[in-house]
Amino acid sequence: MLANKGIIAGEVRQQLTGHSSDAMNQKYTHLGLERLREAVSVIPNL
């Protein structure tokens, strides 16, 4: 939820959620469809 609300820095999300490791933090980070669409929209046309 934090990643989808714009908290991009993994270390910030890790501290806020209390995850003890980066691996645990990544396991529980799930990007929503809208966030993924935003990321794709900035990729230049090749």
Protein backbone atom coordinates (compact mmCIF):
# COMPACT_ATOMS: atom_id res chain seq x y z
CA MET A 1 0.00 0.00 0.00
CA LEU A 2 2.85 2.41 0.80
CA ALA A 3 4.52 1.77 -2.57
CA ASN A 4 1.22 2.37 -4.36
CA LYS A 5 0.77 5.66 -2.51
CA GLY A 6 4.13 6.94 -3.76
CA ILE A 7 6.51 5.91 -0.96
CA ILE A 8 9.14 4.69 -3.40
CA ALA A 9 12.19 4.31 -1.17
CA GLY A 10 12.28 0.70 0.01
CA GLU A 11 14.22 1.53 3.16
CA VAL A 12 11.53 4.02 4.22
CA ARG A 13 8.78 1.44 3.67
CA GLN A 14 10.86 -1.14 5.55
CA GLN A 15 11.21 1.09 8.60
CA LEU A 16 7.57 2.13 8.59
CA THR A 17 6.34 -1.46 8.42
CA GLY A 18 8.93 -2.90 10.78
CA HIS A 19 10.21 -5.50 8.33
CA SER A 20 13.52 -6.92 9.51
CA SER A 21 15.02 -7.45 6.04
CA ASP A 22 14.84 -6.19 2.48
CA ALA A 23 13.68 -9.64 1.36
CA MET A 24 10.71 -9.51 3.73
CA ASN A 25 9.91 -5.98 2.60
CA GLN A 26 9.93 -7.02 -1.06
CA LYS A 27 7.80 -10.09 -0.34
CA TYR A 28 4.99 -7.88 0.94
CA THR A 29 5.30 -5.11 -1.66
CA HIS A 30 2.71 -5.57 -4.40
CA LEU A 31 2.31 -2.83 -6.98
CA GLY A 32 -1.17 -2.09 -8.23
CA LEU A 33 -2.13 -1.94 -11.88
CA GLU A 34 -2.30 1.86 -11.91
CA ARG A 35 1.25 2.15 -10.51
CA LEU A 36 2.53 -0.26 -13.16
CA ARG A 37 0.77 1.73 -15.91
CA GLU A 38 2.48 4.90 -14.66
CA ALA A 39 5.85 3.17 -14.88
CA VAL A 40 5.20 1.94 -18.41
CA SER A 41 4.06 5.39 -19.53
CA VAL A 42 7.51 6.87 -18.92
CA ILE A 43 9.35 4.27 -21.00
CA PRO A 44 10.41 5.90 -24.28
CA ASN A 45 9.17 4.42 -27.53
CA LEU A 46 11.84 2.30 -29.11
